[in-house]
Protein backbone atom coordinates (compact mmCIF):
# COMPACT_ATOMS: atom_id res chain seq x y z
CA UNK A 1 -18.65 8.67 13.61
CA UNK A 2 -17.41 6.40 10.81
CA UNK A 3 -16.80 3.71 13.43
CA UNK A 4 -20.14 3.87 14.96
CA UNK A 5 -22.16 4.40 11.81
CA UNK A 6 -20.38 1.57 9.78
CA UNK A 7 -19.60 -0.75 12.65
CA UNK A 8 -19.66 -4.37 11.42
CA UNK A 9 -21.48 -3.13 8.30
CA UNK A 10 -19.09 -1.25 6.05
CA UNK A 11 -16.01 -2.72 4.41
CA UNK A 12 -12.55 -0.98 4.70
CA UNK A 13 -13.04 0.79 1.30
CA UNK A 14 -16.41 2.01 2.27
CA UNK A 15 -15.00 3.28 5.55
CA UNK A 16 -12.25 5.24 3.74
CA UNK A 17 -14.91 6.80 1.51
CA UNK A 18 -17.15 7.83 4.38
CA UNK A 19 -14.21 9.07 6.49
CA UNK A 20 -13.14 11.14 3.38
CA UNK A 21 -16.69 12.72 2.99
CA UNK A 22 -16.82 13.58 6.67
CA UNK A 23 -13.42 15.28 6.42
CA UNK A 24 -14.16 17.03 3.17
CA UNK A 25 -11.38 15.16 1.36
CA UNK A 26 -12.03 15.01 -2.39
CA UNK A 27 -8.52 14.54 -3.93
CA UNK A 28 -7.25 11.03 -3.34
CA UNK A 29 -3.81 9.75 -3.64
CA UNK A 30 -3.19 6.01 -4.38
CA UNK A 31 0.28 4.74 -3.90
CA UNK A 32 0.37 1.10 -4.89
CA UNK A 33 2.64 -1.81 -5.63
CA UNK A 34 3.07 -2.83 -9.36
CA UNK A 35 2.10 -6.36 -8.22
CA UNK A 36 -1.40 -4.94 -7.36
CA UNK A 37 -1.92 -2.93 -10.43
CA UNK A 38 -5.16 -4.62 -11.32
CA UNK A 39 -6.60 -4.07 -7.77
CA UNK A 40 -5.38 -0.42 -8.03
CA UNK A 41 -7.24 0.08 -11.18
CA UNK A 42 -10.40 -1.23 -9.60
CA UNK A 43 -9.94 0.78 -6.42
CA UNK A 44 -9.50 3.97 -8.56
CA UNK A 45 -12.71 3.22 -10.45
CA UNK A 46 -14.53 2.64 -7.19
CA UNK A 47 -13.38 6.03 -5.85
CA UNK A 48 -14.13 7.84 -9.11
CA UNK A 49 -17.60 6.23 -9.29
CA UNK A 50 -18.11 7.75 -5.81
CA UNK A 51 -17.15 11.31 -6.76
CA UNK A 52 -13.55 11.28 -5.68
CA UNK A 53 -10.60 12.60 -7.72
CA UNK A 54 -7.90 9.94 -7.85
CA UNK A 55 -4.21 10.43 -8.45
CA UNK A 56 -2.36 7.13 -8.47
CA UNK A 57 1.32 6.34 -8.69
CA UNK A 58 2.99 3.00 -8.97
CA UNK A 59 5.86 1.94 -6.81
CA UNK A 60 8.42 1.69 -9.73
CA UNK A 61 7.90 5.31 -10.75
CA UNK A 62 11.32 6.94 -11.88
CA UNK A 63 12.97 3.82 -10.74
CA UNK A 64 16.48 2.89 -11.34
CA UNK A 65 18.40 -0.51 -11.44
CA UNK A 66 19.17 -2.15 -8.07
CA UNK A 67 22.72 -2.45 -9.29
CA UNK A 68 23.07 1.39 -8.89
CA UNK A 69 23.25 0.70 -5.10
CA UNK A 70 25.49 -2.37 -5.46
CA UNK A 71 22.76 -5.03 -4.95
CA UNK A 72 24.39 -8.20 -6.06
CA UNK A 73 22.88 -10.59 -8.64
CA UNK A 74 22.53 -13.16 -5.81
CA UNK A 75 20.49 -10.69 -3.72
CA UNK A 76 17.82 -10.02 -6.32
CA UNK A 77 14.51 -11.58 -6.46
CA UNK A 78 15.16 -12.72 -10.10
CA UNK A 79 18.89 -12.97 -10.53
CA UNK A 80 20.04 -12.45 -14.10
CA UNK A 81 17.28 -9.99 -14.83
CA UNK A 82 16.92 -6.18 -14.82
CA UNK A 83 15.27 -5.31 -11.44
CA UNK A 84 14.34 -1.70 -10.88
CA UNK A 85 14.06 -0.45 -7.36
CA UNK A 86 10.66 0.91 -5.98
CA UNK A 87 10.58 4.60 -5.21
CA UNK A 88 8.35 5.22 -2.22
CA UNK A 89 9.72 8.68 -1.48
CA UNK A 90 9.15 9.58 -5.20
CA UNK A 91 5.46 8.25 -4.70
CA UNK A 92 5.02 10.62 -1.88
CA UNK A 93 6.53 13.50 -3.70
CA UNK A 94 4.30 12.94 -6.76
CA UNK A 95 1.08 12.93 -4.60
CA UNK A 96 2.43 15.90 -2.60
CA UNK A 97 2.70 17.75 -5.93
CA UNK A 98 -0.77 16.65 -6.93
CA UNK A 99 -2.15 18.28 -3.71
CA UNK A 100 -4.01 15.23 -2.48
CA UNK A 101 -5.80 15.52 0.76
CA UNK A 102 -5.72 11.79 1.72
CA UNK A 103 -3.33 9.26 0.57
CA UNK A 104 -4.08 5.47 0.48
CA UNK A 105 -1.40 2.77 0.50
CA UNK A 106 -2.24 -0.34 -1.44
CA UNK A 107 0.34 -3.17 -0.95
CA UNK A 108 3.55 -1.27 -0.51
CA UNK A 109 6.43 -3.30 0.72
CA UNK A 110 7.59 -3.32 4.43
CA UNK A 111 9.74 -0.36 4.84
CA UNK A 112 8.60 1.32 1.65
CA UNK A 113 5.34 1.96 3.35
CA UNK A 114 7.23 3.68 6.18
CA UNK A 115 9.18 5.90 3.86
CA UNK A 116 5.96 6.77 1.93
CA UNK A 117 4.33 7.73 5.17
CA UNK A 118 7.09 9.79 6.34
CA UNK A 119 7.31 11.86 3.14
CA UNK A 120 3.58 12.24 2.51
CA UNK A 121 2.22 15.68 3.44
CA UNK A 122 -1.35 14.47 3.37
CA UNK A 123 -2.63 11.97 5.98
CA UNK A 124 -2.12 8.42 4.97
CA UNK A 125 -4.42 5.29 5.59
CA UNK A 126 -3.95 1.70 4.42
CA UNK A 127 -6.37 -0.19 2.27
CA UNK A 128 -4.21 -3.41 2.10
CA UNK A 129 -0.75 -4.60 3.17
CA UNK A 130 1.38 -6.87 1.15
CA UNK A 131 1.64 -10.41 2.18
CA UNK A 132 2.50 -12.51 -0.80
CA UNK A 133 2.40 -15.72 1.09
CA UNK A 134 -1.05 -15.26 2.68
CA UNK A 135 -2.97 -13.50 -0.06
CA UNK A 136 -2.30 -9.98 1.48
CA UNK A 137 -3.96 -11.15 4.70
CA UNK A 138 -1.02 -11.03 7.29
CA UNK A 139 -3.25 -11.78 10.22
CA UNK A 140 -3.74 -15.23 9.00
CA UNK A 141 -0.17 -16.08 10.54
CA UNK A 142 -1.34 -14.59 13.78
CA UNK A 143 -4.64 -16.63 13.75
CA UNK A 144 -2.44 -19.73 13.00
CA UNK A 145 0.34 -18.82 15.40
CA UNK A 146 -0.41 -21.57 17.91
CA UNK A 147 -0.87 -24.26 15.33
CA UNK A 148 0.48 -24.29 11.63
CA UNK A 149 2.90 -21.28 12.13
CA UNK A 150 3.86 -22.18 15.66
CA UNK A 151 7.41 -23.43 14.89
CA UNK A 152 8.09 -20.44 12.43
CA UNK A 153 6.86 -17.75 14.79
CA UNK A 154 7.91 -19.20 18.08
CA UNK A 155 11.40 -20.41 17.53
CA UNK A 156 12.43 -23.20 19.83
CA UNK A 157 15.30 -22.47 22.25
């Protein structure tokens, strides 16, 4: 119903809200990346303005240093600094405890999204995926795969 009613008319966020209404979902979970905290704040405000309860949890919740699992300085994003690990399983547990009925991913890293989905009790949908290079629009590489990204994506033999 959501597909047919909103086909080429509703944005992804509108589709998520309408899907939630049709399923009777009122208690939202929002698992987001700290790099998208401003976007997460706005998404939460939009959901609240439309009558939904929002429980949000950042990726760095209860995090520990990367050194704890023997990540070397040279393997860090910013060597020489304190880098906390993300905690996607902790995000799922937090939202499970909050009793959410639909969880929404906003920009979790590859792999972190998979762990979050695995441990979430509620159904999960994605509002946006992370792609730092292409402004969180990973399909741009696909659209440009026969041109600009051809040599990167189709390695020469």
